[in-house]
Amino acid sequence: MTVGIGAISDSGQTLVLATDQQVTIGDFTADLPGMIKGSFLHNTWTVLFAGDMSYVSPLLERIADGLEQMPLPTAEQMTQVLTSAFHAERRRVIEDKVLSSYGLTIEKFLAAGVKTFGEVGFSQIQAAIEKVRLDCELLVCGFDGRKVPHILYLEDPGLVRDHTRVGFWAIGSGGPAAISSLFFNKYSIGSSTIRAIYRVGEAKFMAEAALGVGENTLMAILHDTGQRIDLFPQQTDYLRSIWEAEGRPRYPENLKPRIDKMIKARIAELTQAREAKPFDRKDGDSDVDDIKGPKVE
């Protein structure tokens, strides 16, 4: 559920982020007006999250602890911290959900599991362990010590993908729609901040068609100087009004005669081809006489 979007602009001087306010906790999902779905992670780094908050909160705490001694982490250091934190949290969940009833840690299970449970029992518990997933995603955006922007995507089972060269990425159930919107509009790192604000906002609005994406929109503009400007629904609603009035894809006027002309021209081509080669028809070929063309409203 939800959506979070990050994009680099001004040839690397700024980052533009957007998210909704939809929250999932276990089996419950709600659009919370007071919810901030992005937060400072460490100095010039910000994190957006999607998925179950019961996994997100402890994971963010582990990441913050791992970054405590790193004033200006590089992308490589951030990647290592993200991976380590995810593995540690997944380990905790495995021990709580699967092994706690046996009073075992992962090390004890691996060392004595076969002897204790037999090969069949060991395999069954191992299969249960492998099914444990942390139902969450993180999009970590920020600047390193050289003021170089980065976009890092963390997903289960602790894999970090670097989308810096792409220049943007999105997470959550609305992620595919948002990414498609940015690709369709040929978004690039060289886009101005103004263009980035519009295109990222547009990607968020397009993503609202996906299941579980809330309508409220929060945005943030991060500068390599450390300056940050947050935009709340009071501001993003104005951006939405511009998009709905002037930018949103519309149904063209006078479409019926144009489409009708296209279909009739194609039928004429098929008819002409058949008359030119009346004996070349093979079994399974369509009969042009049966083609009447679709009804165009």
C-alpha atoms as a PDB file:
ATOM      1  CA  MET A   1       0.000   0.000   0.000  1.00  0.00           C
ATOM      2  CA  THR A   2       0.932   3.699  -0.257  1.00  0.00           C
ATOM      3  CA  VAL A   3       3.464   5.491  -2.485  1.00  0.00           C
ATOM      4  CA  GLY A   4       6.765   7.322  -2.002  1.00  0.00           C
ATOM      5  CA  ILE A   5       8.691   9.070  -4.801  1.00  0.00           C
ATOM      6  CA  GLY A   6      12.160  10.574  -4.980  1.00  0.00           C
ATOM      7  CA  ALA A   7      13.793  12.416  -7.908  1.00  0.00           C
ATOM      8  CA  ILE A   8      17.068  14.247  -8.465  1.00  0.00           C
ATOM      9  CA  SER A   9      16.870  17.664 -10.137  1.00  0.00           C
ATOM     10  CA  ASP A  10      18.996  20.694 -11.049  1.00  0.00           C
ATOM     11  CA  SER A  11      21.780  18.379 -12.252  1.00  0.00           C
ATOM     12  CA  GLY A  12      22.217  16.984  -8.765  1.00  0.00           C
ATOM     13  CA  GLN A  13      21.776  20.068  -6.596  1.00  0.00           C
ATOM     14  CA  THR A  14      18.311  19.196  -5.317  1.00  0.00           C
ATOM     15  CA  LEU A  15      16.069  16.249  -4.510  1.00  0.00           C
ATOM     16  CA  VAL A  16      12.274  16.383  -4.748  1.00  0.00           C
ATOM     17  CA  LEU A  17      10.227  13.888  -2.743  1.00  0.00           C
ATOM     18  CA  ALA A  18       6.524  13.072  -2.539  1.00  0.00           C
ATOM     19  CA  THR A  19       4.385  10.703  -0.507  1.00  0.00           C
ATOM     20  CA  ASP A  20       0.822  10.131   0.628  1.00  0.00           C
ATOM     21  CA  GLN A  21      -0.397   9.760   4.222  1.00  0.00           C
ATOM     22  CA  GLN A  22      -1.715   6.206   3.978  1.00  0.00           C
ATOM     23  CA  VAL A  23      -0.597   3.958   6.835  1.00  0.00           C
ATOM     24  CA  THR A  24      -0.712   0.177   7.207  1.00  0.00           C
ATOM     25  CA  ILE A  25      -0.360  -1.607  10.544  1.00  0.00           C
ATOM     26  CA  GLY A  26      -1.012  -5.318  10.338  1.00  0.00           C
ATOM     27  CA  ASP A  27      -4.432  -5.812   8.741  1.00  0.00           C
ATOM     28  CA  PHE A  28      -5.471  -2.177   9.210  1.00  0.00           C
ATOM     29  CA  THR A  29      -5.018   0.614   6.661  1.00  0.00           C
ATOM     30  CA  ALA A  30      -5.995   4.265   7.048  1.00  0.00           C
ATOM     31  CA  ASP A  31      -5.330   7.689   5.569  1.00  0.00           C
ATOM     32  CA  LEU A  32      -4.048   9.749   8.512  1.00  0.00           C
ATOM     33  CA  PRO A  33      -3.923  13.526   7.906  1.00  0.00           C
ATOM     34  CA  GLY A  34      -1.263  14.024  10.565  1.00  0.00           C
ATOM     35  CA  MET A  35       1.037  11.277   9.292  1.00  0.00           C
ATOM     36  CA  ILE A  36       4.461  12.260   7.933  1.00  0.00           C
ATOM     37  CA  LYS A  37       5.664   9.420   5.686  1.00  0.00           C
ATOM     38  CA  GLY A  38       9.170  10.809   5.293  1.00  0.00           C
ATOM     39  CA  SER A  39      11.676  11.831   7.928  1.00  0.00           C
ATOM     40  CA  PHE A  40      15.263  12.867   8.436  1.00  0.00           C
ATOM     41  CA  LEU A  41      17.317   9.725   8.609  1.00  0.00           C
ATOM     42  CA  HIS A  42      20.707  11.270   9.238  1.00  0.00           C
ATOM     43  CA  ASN A  43      21.961  14.808   8.542  1.00  0.00           C
ATOM     44  CA  THR A  44      21.456  15.255   4.772  1.00  0.00           C
ATOM     45  CA  TRP A  45      19.617  11.945   4.248  1.00  0.00           C
ATOM     46  CA  THR A  46      15.841  11.443   4.249  1.00  0.00           C
ATOM     47  CA  VAL A  47      13.868   8.212   4.160  1.00  0.00           C
ATOM     48  CA  LEU A  48      10.438   7.459   2.696  1.00  0.00           C
ATOM     49  CA  PHE A  49       8.744   4.215   3.670  1.00  0.00           C
ATOM     50  CA  ALA A  50       5.968   1.942   2.493  1.00  0.00           C
ATOM     51  CA  GLY A  51       4.464  -1.168   4.001  1.00  0.00           C
ATOM     52  CA  ASP A  52       3.669  -2.362   7.497  1.00  0.00           C
ATOM     53  CA  MET A  53       4.639   0.214  10.135  1.00  0.00           C
ATOM     54  CA  SER A  54       5.166  -2.555  12.691  1.00  0.00           C
ATOM     55  CA  TYR A  55       8.261  -3.480  10.660  1.00  0.00           C
ATOM     56  CA  VAL A  56       9.248   0.025   9.556  1.00  0.00           C
ATOM     57  CA  SER A  57       9.633   1.618  13.009  1.00  0.00           C
ATOM     58  CA  PRO A  58      12.149  -0.838  14.510  1.00  0.00           C
ATOM     59  CA  LEU A  59      14.013  -0.995  11.205  1.00  0.00           C
ATOM     60  CA  LEU A  60      14.464   2.794  11.169  1.00  0.00           C
ATOM     61  CA  GLU A  61      15.753   2.670  14.740  1.00  0.00           C
ATOM     62  CA  ARG A  62      18.394   0.119  13.764  1.00  0.00           C
ATOM     63  CA  ILE A  63      19.448   2.226  10.776  1.00  0.00           C
ATOM     64  CA  ALA A  64      19.739   5.354  12.937  1.00  0.00           C
ATOM     65  CA  ASP A  65      21.895   3.445  15.423  1.00  0.00           C
ATOM     66  CA  GLY A  66      24.152   2.224  12.619  1.00  0.00           C
ATOM     67  CA  LEU A  67      24.656   5.764  11.319  1.00  0.00           C
ATOM     68  CA  GLU A  68      25.324   7.325  14.722  1.00  0.00           C
ATOM     69  CA  GLN A  69      29.093   7.394  14.288  1.00  0.00           C
ATOM     70  CA  MET A  70      29.001   8.527  10.638  1.00  0.00           C
ATOM     71  CA  PRO A  71      28.683  12.320  10.322  1.00  0.00           C
ATOM     72  CA  LEU A  72      28.552  12.257   6.503  1.00  0.00           C
ATOM     73  CA  PRO A  73      28.045   8.685   5.285  1.00  0.00           C
ATOM     74  CA  THR A  74      28.919   7.758   1.727  1.00  0.00           C
ATOM     75  CA  ALA A  75      26.479   5.838  -0.438  1.00  0.00           C
ATOM     76  CA  GLU A  76      28.523   2.690   0.170  1.00  0.00           C
ATOM     77  CA  GLN A  77      28.388   3.162   3.940  1.00  0.00           C
ATOM     78  CA  MET A  78      24.658   3.870   3.793  1.00  0.00           C
ATOM     79  CA  THR A  79      24.124   0.710   1.762  1.00  0.00           C
ATOM     80  CA  GLN A  80      26.031  -1.370   4.312  1.00  0.00           C
ATOM     81  CA  VAL A  81      24.033   0.085   7.201  1.00  0.00           C
ATOM     82  CA  LEU A  82      20.722  -0.498   5.427  1.00  0.00           C
ATOM     83  CA  THR A  83      21.588  -4.108   4.635  1.00  0.00           C
ATOM     84  CA  SER A  84      22.878  -4.882   8.133  1.00  0.00           C
ATOM     85  CA  ALA A  85      19.862  -3.282   9.793  1.00  0.00           C
ATOM     86  CA  PHE A  86      17.425  -5.194   7.608  1.00  0.00           C
ATOM     87  CA  HIS A  87      19.120  -8.539   8.243  1.00  0.00           C
ATOM     88  CA  ALA A  88      19.231  -7.887  11.989  1.00  0.00           C
ATOM     89  CA  GLU A  89      15.524  -6.970  12.106  1.00  0.00           C
ATOM     90  CA  ARG A  90      14.526  -9.953   9.987  1.00  0.00           C
ATOM     91  CA  ARG A  91      16.534 -12.168  12.318  1.00  0.00           C
ATOM     92  CA  ARG A  92      14.648 -10.752  15.305  1.00  0.00           C
ATOM     93  CA  VAL A  93      11.293 -11.381  13.618  1.00  0.00           C
ATOM     94  CA  ILE A  94      12.302 -14.950  12.750  1.00  0.00           C
ATOM     95  CA  GLU A  95      13.248 -15.702  16.336  1.00  0.00           C
ATOM     96  CA  ASP A  96      10.059 -14.086  17.660  1.00  0.00           C
ATOM     97  CA  LYS A  97       7.646 -15.681  15.201  1.00  0.00           C
ATOM     98  CA  VAL A  98       9.207 -19.087  14.562  1.00  0.00           C
ATOM     99  CA  LEU A  99      11.857 -20.050  17.107  1.00  0.00           C
ATOM    100  CA  SER A 100      10.709 -18.414  20.338  1.00  0.00           C
ATOM    101  CA  SER A 101       8.255 -21.220  21.123  1.00  0.00           C
ATOM    102  CA  TYR A 102      11.209 -23.611  21.163  1.00  0.00           C
ATOM    103  CA  GLY A 103      13.441 -21.270  23.181  1.00  0.00           C
ATOM    104  CA  LEU A 104      15.973 -21.145  20.345  1.00  0.00           C
ATOM    105  CA  THR A 105      18.076 -18.578  18.574  1.00  0.00           C
ATOM    106  CA  ILE A 106      19.033 -19.020  14.930  1.00  0.00           C
ATOM    107  CA  GLU A 107      22.530 -20.182  15.950  1.00  0.00           C
ATOM    108  CA  LYS A 108      21.164 -22.825  18.325  1.00  0.00           C
ATOM    109  CA  PHE A 109      18.647 -24.001  15.738  1.00  0.00           C
ATOM    110  CA  LEU A 110      21.329 -24.414  13.068  1.00  0.00           C
ATOM    111  CA  ALA A 111      23.694 -26.138  15.479  1.00  0.00           C
ATOM    112  CA  ALA A 112      21.282 -28.589  17.100  1.00  0.00           C
ATOM    113  CA  GLY A 113      18.097 -28.447  15.037  1.00  0.00           C
ATOM    114  CA  VAL A 114      18.544 -31.759  13.222  1.00  0.00           C
ATOM    115  CA  LYS A 115      19.402 -33.602  16.431  1.00  0.00           C
ATOM    116  CA  THR A 116      16.485 -32.031  18.312  1.00  0.00           C
ATOM    117  CA  PHE A 117      13.729 -32.219  15.682  1.00  0.00           C
ATOM    118  CA  GLY A 118      14.998 -34.808  13.213  1.00  0.00           C
ATOM    119  CA  GLU A 119      15.570 -34.115   9.542  1.00  0.00           C
ATOM    120  CA  VAL A 120      11.852 -33.776   8.732  1.00  0.00           C
ATOM    121  CA  GLY A 121      11.122 -31.459  11.642  1.00  0.00           C
ATOM    122  CA  PHE A 122      14.255 -29.421  10.933  1.00  0.00           C
ATOM    123  CA  SER A 123      13.221 -29.006   7.274  1.00  0.00           C
ATOM    124  CA  GLN A 124       9.715 -27.911   8.255  1.00  0.00           C
ATOM    125  CA  ILE A 125      10.995 -25.252  10.646  1.00  0.00           C
ATOM    126  CA  GLN A 126      13.589 -24.141   8.106  1.00  0.00           C
ATOM    127  CA  ALA A 127      10.824 -23.725   5.522  1.00  0.00           C
ATOM    128  CA  ALA A 128       8.858 -21.581   7.996  1.00  0.00           C
ATOM    129  CA  ILE A 129      11.954 -19.427   8.554  1.00  0.00           C
ATOM    130  CA  GLU A 130      12.451 -18.905   4.836  1.00  0.00           C
ATOM    131  CA  LYS A 131       8.857 -17.675   4.497  1.00  0.00           C
ATOM    132  CA  VAL A 132       9.395 -14.826   6.966  1.00  0.00           C
ATOM    133  CA  ARG A 133       9.338 -11.488   5.149  1.00  0.00           C
ATOM    134  CA  LEU A 134       9.466  -7.913   6.351  1.00  0.00           C
ATOM    135  CA  ASP A 135       6.548  -6.362   4.529  1.00  0.00           C
ATOM    136  CA  CYS A 136       8.096  -2.947   3.963  1.00  0.00           C
ATOM    137  CA  GLU A 137      10.203  -0.901   1.556  1.00  0.00           C
ATOM    138  CA  LEU A 138      12.441   2.096   2.114  1.00  0.00           C
ATOM    139  CA  LEU A 139      13.507   4.807  -0.317  1.00  0.00           C
ATOM    140  CA  VAL A 140      16.565   6.561   1.081  1.00  0.00           C
ATOM    141  CA  CYS A 141      17.468   9.856  -0.619  1.00  0.00           C
ATOM    142  CA  GLY A 142      20.220  12.277   0.306  1.00  0.00           C
ATOM    143  CA  PHE A 143      23.614  13.849  -0.264  1.00  0.00           C
ATOM    144  CA  ASP A 144      26.978  12.444   0.720  1.00  0.00           C
ATOM    145  CA  GLY A 145      29.937  14.468   2.054  1.00  0.00           C
ATOM    146  CA  ARG A 146      30.790  15.649  -1.470  1.00  0.00           C
ATOM    147  CA  LYS A 147      27.215  16.906  -1.995  1.00  0.00           C
ATOM    148  CA  VAL A 148      26.536  14.139  -4.508  1.00  0.00           C
ATOM    149  CA  PRO A 149      22.869  13.029  -4.503  1.00  0.00           C
ATOM    150  CA  HIS A 150      21.832   9.391  -4.138  1.00  0.00           C
ATOM    151  CA  ILE A 151      18.612   7.380  -4.344  1.00  0.00           C
ATOM    152  CA  LEU A 152      18.769   3.978  -2.646  1.00  0.00           C
ATOM    153  CA  TYR A 153      15.944   1.445  -2.546  1.00  0.00           C
ATOM    154  CA  LEU A 154      15.800  -1.179   0.224  1.00  0.00           C
ATOM    155  CA  GLU A 155      13.510  -4.199  -0.083  1.00  0.00           C
ATOM    156  CA  ASP A 156      13.160  -7.678   1.356  1.00  0.00           C
ATOM    157  CA  PRO A 157      15.323  -9.752   1.866  1.00  0.00           C
ATOM    158  CA  GLY A 158      17.679  -6.840   2.574  1.00  0.00           C
ATOM    159  CA  LEU A 159      18.645  -6.000  -0.998  1.00  0.00           C
ATOM    160  CA  VAL A 160      19.684  -2.409  -1.751  1.00  0.00           C
ATOM    161  CA  ARG A 161      19.359  -1.110  -5.297  1.00  0.00           C
ATOM    162  CA  ASP A 162      21.005   2.150  -6.358  1.00  0.00           C
ATOM    163  CA  HIS A 163      18.744   4.200  -8.660  1.00  0.00           C
ATOM    164  CA  THR A 164      20.915   7.317  -8.683  1.00  0.00           C
ATOM    165  CA  ARG A 165      21.789   7.003 -12.369  1.00  0.00           C
ATOM    166  CA  VAL A 166      18.132   6.606 -13.289  1.00  0.00           C
ATOM    167  CA  GLY A 167      17.499   9.848 -11.397  1.00  0.00           C
ATOM    168  CA  PHE A 168      14.268   8.793  -9.704  1.00  0.00           C
ATOM    169  CA  TRP A 169      12.399   5.896  -8.152  1.00  0.00           C
ATOM    170  CA  ALA A 170       9.185   5.105  -6.277  1.00  0.00           C
ATOM    171  CA  ILE A 171       7.976   2.569  -3.732  1.00  0.00           C
ATOM    172  CA  GLY A 172       4.683   1.150  -2.505  1.00  0.00           C
ATOM    173  CA  SER A 173       1.613  -0.103  -4.348  1.00  0.00           C
ATOM    174  CA  GLY A 174       1.582   3.147  -6.337  1.00  0.00           C
ATOM    175  CA  GLY A 175       5.253   2.831  -7.236  1.00  0.00           C
ATOM    176  CA  PRO A 176       4.827   1.270 -10.694  1.00  0.00           C
ATOM    177  CA  ALA A 177       2.332   3.956 -11.770  1.00  0.00           C
ATOM    178  CA  ALA A 178       4.578   6.748 -10.485  1.00  0.00           C
ATOM    179  CA  ILE A 179       7.662   5.306 -12.187  1.00  0.00           C
ATOM    180  CA  SER A 180       5.737   4.882 -15.452  1.00  0.00           C
ATOM    181  CA  SER A 181       4.614   8.517 -15.281  1.00  0.00           C
ATOM    182  CA  LEU A 182       8.171   9.774 -14.852  1.00  0.00           C
ATOM    183  CA  PHE A 183       9.511   7.559 -17.635  1.00  0.00           C
ATOM    184  CA  PHE A 184       6.651   8.592 -19.929  1.00  0.00           C
ATOM    185  CA  ASN A 185       7.452  12.269 -19.374  1.00  0.00           C
ATOM    186  CA  LYS A 186      11.153  11.606 -20.009  1.00  0.00           C
ATOM    187  CA  TYR A 187      12.147  12.945 -16.625  1.00  0.00           C
ATOM    188  CA  SER A 188      15.879  13.618 -16.263  1.00  0.00           C
ATOM    189  CA  ILE A 189      18.329  14.707 -13.579  1.00  0.00           C
ATOM    190  CA  GLY A 190      18.796  17.948 -15.505  1.00  0.00           C
ATOM    191  CA  SER A 191      15.189  18.979 -14.865  1.00  0.00           C
ATOM    192  CA  SER A 192      14.791  22.268 -12.992  1.00  0.00           C
ATOM    193  CA  THR A 193      13.406  22.182  -9.469  1.00  0.00           C
ATOM    194  CA  ILE A 194      10.139  23.721 -10.715  1.00  0.00           C
ATOM    195  CA  ARG A 195       9.763  21.034 -13.372  1.00  0.00           C
ATOM    196  CA  ALA A 196      10.680  18.353 -10.826  1.00  0.00           C
ATOM    197  CA  ILE A 197       8.050  19.565  -8.367  1.00  0.00           C
ATOM    198  CA  TYR A 198       5.398  19.382 -11.079  1.00  0.00           C
ATOM    199  CA  ARG A 199       6.461  16.008 -12.518  1.00  0.00           C
ATOM    200  CA  VAL A 200       6.913  14.338  -9.124  1.00  0.00           C
ATOM    201  CA  GLY A 201       3.571  15.743  -7.988  1.00  0.00           C
ATOM    202  CA  GLU A 202       1.976  14.493 -11.192  1.00  0.00           C
ATOM    203  CA  ALA A 203       3.486  11.032 -10.628  1.00  0.00           C
ATOM    204  CA  LYS A 204       1.947  11.002  -7.144  1.00  0.00           C
ATOM    205  CA  PHE A 205      -1.479  12.007  -8.516  1.00  0.00           C
ATOM    206  CA  MET A 206      -1.288   9.311 -11.206  1.00  0.00           C
ATOM    207  CA  ALA A 207      -0.325   6.747  -8.557  1.00  0.00           C
ATOM    208  CA  GLU A 208      -3.582   7.353  -6.695  1.00  0.00           C
ATOM    209  CA  ALA A 209      -5.289   4.948  -9.105  1.00  0.00           C
ATOM    210  CA  ALA A 210      -3.393   2.099  -7.376  1.00  0.00           C
ATOM    211  CA  LEU A 211      -4.908   0.213  -4.470  1.00  0.00           C
ATOM    212  CA  GLY A 212      -4.108   1.714  -1.075  1.00  0.00           C
ATOM    213  CA  VAL A 213      -2.690   5.086  -2.194  1.00  0.00           C
ATOM    214  CA  GLY A 214      -4.114   8.036  -0.272  1.00  0.00           C
ATOM    215  CA  GLU A 215      -5.121  11.337  -1.840  1.00  0.00           C
ATOM    216  CA  ASN A 216      -3.355  13.636   0.626  1.00  0.00           C
ATOM    217  CA  THR A 217       0.052  14.642  -0.723  1.00  0.00           C
ATOM    218  CA  LEU A 218       3.208  15.695   1.109  1.00  0.00           C
ATOM    219  CA  MET A 219       6.295  16.917  -0.729  1.00  0.00           C
ATOM    220  CA  ALA A 220       9.791  18.038   0.223  1.00  0.00           C
ATOM    221  CA  ILE A 221      12.575  19.851  -1.607  1.00  0.00           C
ATOM    222  CA  LEU A 222      16.075  19.037  -0.359  1.00  0.00           C
ATOM    223  CA  HIS A 223      19.078  21.132  -1.367  1.00  0.00           C
ATOM    224  CA  ASP A 224      22.707  20.044  -1.274  1.00  0.00           C
ATOM    225  CA  THR A 225      23.327  22.894   1.185  1.00  0.00           C
ATOM    226  CA  GLY A 226      21.144  21.122   3.735  1.00  0.00           C
ATOM    227  CA  GLN A 227      18.143  23.412   3.246  1.00  0.00           C
ATOM    228  CA  ARG A 228      14.767  21.663   3.241  1.00  0.00           C
ATOM    229  CA  ILE A 229      11.332  22.969   2.282  1.00  0.00           C
ATOM    230  CA  ASP A 230       8.287  20.876   3.200  1.00  0.00           C
ATOM    231  CA  LEU A 231       5.029  21.208   1.254  1.00  0.00           C
ATOM    232  CA  PHE A 232       1.835  20.100   2.972  1.00  0.00           C
ATOM    233  CA  PRO A 233      -1.648  19.447   1.491  1.00  0.00           C
ATOM    234  CA  GLN A 234      -2.428  23.165   1.684  1.00  0.00           C
ATOM    235  CA  GLN A 235       0.301  23.724  -0.949  1.00  0.00           C
ATOM    236  CA  THR A 236       0.078  20.454  -2.906  1.00  0.00           C
ATOM    237  CA  ASP A 237      -3.674  20.856  -3.379  1.00  0.00           C
ATOM    238  CA  TYR A 238      -2.855  23.982  -5.363  1.00  0.00           C
ATOM    239  CA  LEU A 239      -0.413  21.964  -7.492  1.00  0.00           C
ATOM    240  CA  ARG A 240      -3.145  19.366  -8.008  1.00  0.00           C
ATOM    241  CA  SER A 241      -5.580  22.066  -9.188  1.00  0.00           C
ATOM    242  CA  ILE A 242      -3.066  23.183 -11.839  1.00  0.00           C
ATOM    243  CA  TRP A 243      -2.564  19.591 -12.980  1.00  0.00           C
ATOM    244  CA  GLU A 244      -6.281  18.845 -13.137  1.00  0.00           C
ATOM    245  CA  ALA A 245      -7.037  22.025 -15.088  1.00  0.00           C
ATOM    246  CA  GLU A 246      -4.097  22.060 -17.501  1.00  0.00           C
ATOM    247  CA  GLY A 247      -2.004  18.911 -17.372  1.00  0.00           C
ATOM    248  CA  ARG A 248      -4.182  15.889 -16.696  1.00  0.00           C
ATOM    249  CA  PRO A 249      -4.610  13.612 -19.765  1.00  0.00           C
ATOM    250  CA  ARG A 250      -7.915  14.361 -21.446  1.00  0.00           C
ATOM    251  CA  TYR A 251     -10.248  12.630 -23.903  1.00  0.00           C
ATOM    252  CA  PRO A 252      -9.733  14.361 -27.275  1.00  0.00           C
ATOM    253  CA  GLU A 253     -12.593  16.214 -28.907  1.00  0.00           C
ATOM    254  CA  ASN A 254     -13.970  15.040 -32.267  1.00  0.00           C
ATOM    255  CA  LEU A 255     -12.442  11.620 -31.699  1.00  0.00           C
ATOM    256  CA  LYS A 256     -15.204   9.547 -33.328  1.00  0.00           C
ATOM    257  CA  PRO A 257     -14.745  10.680 -36.947  1.00  0.00           C
ATOM    258  CA  ARG A 258     -10.957  10.369 -36.707  1.00  0.00           C
ATOM    259  CA  ILE A 259     -10.976   6.832 -35.292  1.00  0.00           C
ATOM    260  CA  ASP A 260     -13.777   5.845 -37.645  1.00  0.00           C
ATOM    261  CA  LYS A 261     -11.676   7.072 -40.590  1.00  0.00           C
ATOM    262  CA  MET A 262      -8.684   5.045 -39.385  1.00  0.00           C
ATOM    263  CA  ILE A 263     -10.738   1.825 -39.068  1.00  0.00           C
ATOM    264  CA  LYS A 264     -12.411   2.252 -42.460  1.00  0.00           C
ATOM    265  CA  ALA A 265      -9.052   2.864 -44.129  1.00  0.00           C
ATOM    266  CA  ARG A 266      -7.688  -0.355 -42.630  1.00  0.00           C
ATOM    267  CA  ILE A 267     -10.735  -2.316 -43.797  1.00  0.00           C
ATOM    268  CA  ALA A 268     -10.225  -0.915 -47.286  1.00  0.00           C
ATOM    269  CA  GLU A 269      -6.586  -2.069 -47.227  1.00  0.00           C
ATOM    270  CA  LEU A 270      -7.607  -5.588 -46.223  1.00  0.00           C
ATOM    271  CA  THR A 271     -10.281  -5.709 -48.912  1.00  0.00           C
ATOM    272  CA  GLN A 272      -7.856  -4.515 -51.577  1.00  0.00           C
ATOM    273  CA  ALA A 273      -5.255  -7.066 -50.514  1.00  0.00           C
ATOM    274  CA  ARG A 274      -7.770  -9.899 -50.736  1.00  0.00           C
ATOM    275  CA  GLU A 275      -8.974  -8.872 -54.175  1.00  0.00           C
ATOM    276  CA  ALA A 276      -5.386  -8.666 -55.415  1.00  0.00           C
ATOM    277  CA  LYS A 277      -4.578 -12.219 -54.246  1.00  0.00           C
ATOM    278  CA  PRO A 278      -7.885 -14.111 -54.184  1.00  0.00           C
ATOM    279  CA  PHE A 279      -6.262 -17.558 -54.157  1.00  0.00           C
ATOM    280  CA  ASP A 280      -3.619 -16.954 -51.501  1.00  0.00           C
ATOM    281  CA  ARG A 281      -5.976 -17.273 -48.571  1.00  0.00           C
ATOM    282  CA  LYS A 282      -5.010 -19.996 -46.077  1.00  0.00           C
ATOM    283  CA  ASP A 283      -7.137 -21.778 -43.538  1.00  0.00           C
ATOM    284  CA  GLY A 284      -7.467 -19.644 -40.448  1.00  0.00           C
ATOM    285  CA  ASP A 285      -7.184 -16.297 -42.280  1.00  0.00           C
ATOM    286  CA  SER A 286      -9.862 -13.760 -41.364  1.00  0.00           C
ATOM    287  CA  ASP A 287     -12.666 -13.149 -43.815  1.00  0.00           C
ATOM    288  CA  VAL A 288     -12.684  -9.508 -44.829  1.00  0.00           C
ATOM    289  CA  ASP A 289     -16.369  -9.767 -45.717  1.00  0.00           C
ATOM    290  CA  ASP A 290     -17.091 -10.390 -42.026  1.00  0.00           C
ATOM    291  CA  ILE A 291     -15.245  -7.261 -40.925  1.00  0.00           C
ATOM    292  CA  LYS A 292     -17.692  -4.487 -40.216  1.00  0.00           C
ATOM    293  CA  GLY A 293     -15.428  -2.437 -37.965  1.00  0.00           C
ATOM    294  CA  PRO A 294     -15.962  -1.624 -34.305  1.00  0.00           C
ATOM    295  CA  LYS A 295     -18.645   0.732 -33.186  1.00  0.00           C
ATOM    296  CA  VAL A 296     -17.023   4.024 -32.260  1.00  0.00           C
ATOM    297  CA  GLU A 297     -18.927   6.125 -29.743  1.00  0.00           C
END
